[in-house]
C-alpha atoms as a PDB file:
ATOM      1  CA  UNK A   1     -11.323  -3.571 -64.522  1.00  0.00           C
ATOM      2  CA  UNK A   2     -14.315  -1.428 -65.460  1.00  0.00           C
ATOM      3  CA  UNK A   3     -15.169   1.407 -67.801  1.00  0.00           C
ATOM      4  CA  UNK A   4     -18.209   3.623 -67.204  1.00  0.00           C
ATOM      5  CA  UNK A   5     -20.276   6.059 -69.159  1.00  0.00           C
ATOM      6  CA  UNK A   6     -23.441   7.872 -68.135  1.00  0.00           C
ATOM      7  CA  UNK A   7     -26.614   7.020 -70.028  1.00  0.00           C
ATOM      8  CA  UNK A   8     -30.095   8.182 -69.012  1.00  0.00           C
ATOM      9  CA  UNK A   9     -29.100   8.676 -65.388  1.00  0.00           C
ATOM     10  CA  UNK A  10     -27.715   5.158 -64.969  1.00  0.00           C
ATOM     11  CA  UNK A  11     -24.129   4.061 -65.031  1.00  0.00           C
ATOM     12  CA  UNK A  12     -23.541   1.671 -67.892  1.00  0.00           C
ATOM     13  CA  UNK A  13     -20.543  -0.380 -66.907  1.00  0.00           C
ATOM     14  CA  UNK A  14     -18.449  -2.835 -68.891  1.00  0.00           C
ATOM     15  CA  UNK A  15     -17.020  -5.464 -66.567  1.00  0.00           C
ATOM     16  CA  UNK A  16     -14.295  -7.999 -67.089  1.00  0.00           C
ATOM     17  CA  UNK A  17     -14.753 -10.788 -64.553  1.00  0.00           C
ATOM     18  CA  UNK A  18     -12.093 -13.053 -63.066  1.00  0.00           C
ATOM     19  CA  UNK A  19     -12.940 -15.674 -65.696  1.00  0.00           C
ATOM     20  CA  UNK A  20     -12.388 -13.203 -68.547  1.00  0.00           C
ATOM     21  CA  UNK A  21     -16.112 -12.802 -69.212  1.00  0.00           C
ATOM     22  CA  UNK A  22     -17.140  -9.354 -70.324  1.00  0.00           C
ATOM     23  CA  UNK A  23     -20.582  -7.802 -69.881  1.00  0.00           C
ATOM     24  CA  UNK A  24     -22.297  -4.429 -69.843  1.00  0.00           C
ATOM     25  CA  UNK A  25     -24.747  -3.589 -67.145  1.00  0.00           C
ATOM     26  CA  UNK A  26     -27.035  -0.834 -65.982  1.00  0.00           C
ATOM     27  CA  UNK A  27     -28.222  -2.627 -62.855  1.00  0.00           C
ATOM     28  CA  UNK A  28     -28.476  -0.821 -59.559  1.00  0.00           C
ATOM     29  CA  UNK A  29     -26.993  -2.169 -56.353  1.00  0.00           C
ATOM     30  CA  UNK A  30     -30.505  -3.207 -55.280  1.00  0.00           C
ATOM     31  CA  UNK A  31     -31.009  -5.111 -58.581  1.00  0.00           C
ATOM     32  CA  UNK A  32     -27.780  -7.020 -58.026  1.00  0.00           C
ATOM     33  CA  UNK A  33     -28.651  -7.774 -54.418  1.00  0.00           C
ATOM     34  CA  UNK A  34     -32.134  -8.991 -55.457  1.00  0.00           C
ATOM     35  CA  UNK A  35     -30.635 -11.243 -58.120  1.00  0.00           C
ATOM     36  CA  UNK A  36     -28.221 -12.727 -55.574  1.00  0.00           C
ATOM     37  CA  UNK A  37     -31.069 -13.336 -53.114  1.00  0.00           C
ATOM     38  CA  UNK A  38     -33.165 -15.066 -55.796  1.00  0.00           C
ATOM     39  CA  UNK A  39     -30.286 -17.416 -56.543  1.00  0.00           C
ATOM     40  CA  UNK A  40     -29.818 -18.001 -52.820  1.00  0.00           C
ATOM     41  CA  UNK A  41     -33.486 -19.020 -52.526  1.00  0.00           C
ATOM     42  CA  UNK A  42     -33.197 -21.425 -55.480  1.00  0.00           C
ATOM     43  CA  UNK A  43     -30.190 -23.030 -53.796  1.00  0.00           C
ATOM     44  CA  UNK A  44     -31.906 -23.518 -50.435  1.00  0.00           C
ATOM     45  CA  UNK A  45     -32.161 -27.289 -50.040  1.00  0.00           C
ATOM     46  CA  UNK A  46     -31.119 -27.875 -53.665  1.00  0.00           C
ATOM     47  CA  UNK A  47     -29.483 -31.089 -54.825  1.00  0.00           C
ATOM     48  CA  UNK A  48     -25.833 -31.184 -55.890  1.00  0.00           C
ATOM     49  CA  UNK A  49     -26.670 -31.026 -59.607  1.00  0.00           C
ATOM     50  CA  UNK A  50     -28.660 -27.817 -59.100  1.00  0.00           C
ATOM     51  CA  UNK A  51     -25.881 -26.352 -56.945  1.00  0.00           C
ATOM     52  CA  UNK A  52     -23.325 -27.121 -59.657  1.00  0.00           C
ATOM     53  CA  UNK A  53     -25.566 -25.648 -62.361  1.00  0.00           C
ATOM     54  CA  UNK A  54     -26.130 -22.388 -60.458  1.00  0.00           C
ATOM     55  CA  UNK A  55     -22.565 -21.914 -59.191  1.00  0.00           C
ATOM     56  CA  UNK A  56     -21.345 -19.893 -62.213  1.00  0.00           C
ATOM     57  CA  UNK A  57     -24.369 -17.574 -61.956  1.00  0.00           C
ATOM     58  CA  UNK A  58     -23.740 -16.904 -58.268  1.00  0.00           C
ATOM     59  CA  UNK A  59     -20.056 -16.170 -58.888  1.00  0.00           C
ATOM     60  CA  UNK A  60     -20.884 -13.812 -61.767  1.00  0.00           C
ATOM     61  CA  UNK A  61     -23.457 -11.870 -59.740  1.00  0.00           C
ATOM     62  CA  UNK A  62     -20.997 -11.459 -56.875  1.00  0.00           C
ATOM     63  CA  UNK A  63     -18.291 -10.370 -59.365  1.00  0.00           C
ATOM     64  CA  UNK A  64     -20.705  -7.739 -60.665  1.00  0.00           C
ATOM     65  CA  UNK A  65     -21.497  -6.633 -57.107  1.00  0.00           C
ATOM     66  CA  UNK A  66     -17.777  -6.276 -56.311  1.00  0.00           C
ATOM     67  CA  UNK A  67     -17.139  -4.344 -59.525  1.00  0.00           C
ATOM     68  CA  UNK A  68     -20.014  -1.996 -58.642  1.00  0.00           C
ATOM     69  CA  UNK A  69     -18.637  -1.408 -55.158  1.00  0.00           C
ATOM     70  CA  UNK A  70     -21.601  -3.144 -53.486  1.00  0.00           C
ATOM     71  CA  UNK A  71     -20.996  -4.514 -49.996  1.00  0.00           C
ATOM     72  CA  UNK A  72     -21.537  -8.278 -50.224  1.00  0.00           C
ATOM     73  CA  UNK A  73     -23.067  -9.879 -47.124  1.00  0.00           C
ATOM     74  CA  UNK A  74     -20.923 -12.582 -45.537  1.00  0.00           C
ATOM     75  CA  UNK A  75     -23.641 -15.217 -46.059  1.00  0.00           C
ATOM     76  CA  UNK A  76     -23.432 -14.681 -49.838  1.00  0.00           C
ATOM     77  CA  UNK A  77     -19.626 -14.843 -49.753  1.00  0.00           C
ATOM     78  CA  UNK A  78     -19.845 -18.116 -47.793  1.00  0.00           C
ATOM     79  CA  UNK A  79     -22.434 -19.480 -50.229  1.00  0.00           C
ATOM     80  CA  UNK A  80     -20.192 -18.658 -53.187  1.00  0.00           C
ATOM     81  CA  UNK A  81     -17.192 -20.288 -51.485  1.00  0.00           C
ATOM     82  CA  UNK A  82     -19.198 -23.439 -50.720  1.00  0.00           C
ATOM     83  CA  UNK A  83     -20.485 -23.640 -54.310  1.00  0.00           C
ATOM     84  CA  UNK A  84     -16.969 -23.218 -55.697  1.00  0.00           C
ATOM     85  CA  UNK A  85     -15.780 -25.977 -53.373  1.00  0.00           C
ATOM     86  CA  UNK A  86     -18.620 -28.237 -54.616  1.00  0.00           C
ATOM     87  CA  UNK A  87     -17.590 -27.556 -58.213  1.00  0.00           C
ATOM     88  CA  UNK A  88     -13.924 -28.335 -57.527  1.00  0.00           C
ATOM     89  CA  UNK A  89     -14.796 -31.559 -55.700  1.00  0.00           C
ATOM     90  CA  UNK A  90     -17.097 -32.607 -58.545  1.00  0.00           C
ATOM     91  CA  UNK A  91     -14.229 -32.199 -61.012  1.00  0.00           C
ATOM     92  CA  UNK A  92     -11.993 -34.445 -58.941  1.00  0.00           C
ATOM     93  CA  UNK A  93     -14.776 -37.023 -58.510  1.00  0.00           C
ATOM     94  CA  UNK A  94     -14.740 -37.489 -62.292  1.00  0.00           C
ATOM     95  CA  UNK A  95     -10.971 -37.964 -62.621  1.00  0.00           C
ATOM     96  CA  UNK A  96      -9.763 -41.444 -63.491  1.00  0.00           C
ATOM     97  CA  UNK A  97      -7.476 -43.043 -60.939  1.00  0.00           C
END
């Protein structure tokens, strides 16, 4: 769900993500794409702890891209899916048996 208003030629958008987080943004599609690429570079060859730490940021950026109507490249969708899978597996690794 999003609500928009025009401010100084940019769309200021309030987003409600799938996790219930709410944020306002005036980022362009290129800004969002650049942010996603920077995270992708940080994750290249990263250890599991770094992947787990950055997973929420990647998911939030992609949520913002979707809410803005930005076309998300398949490599970023696959990266997000793999990071979410890592996070789920890490939760189960810590469960007592």
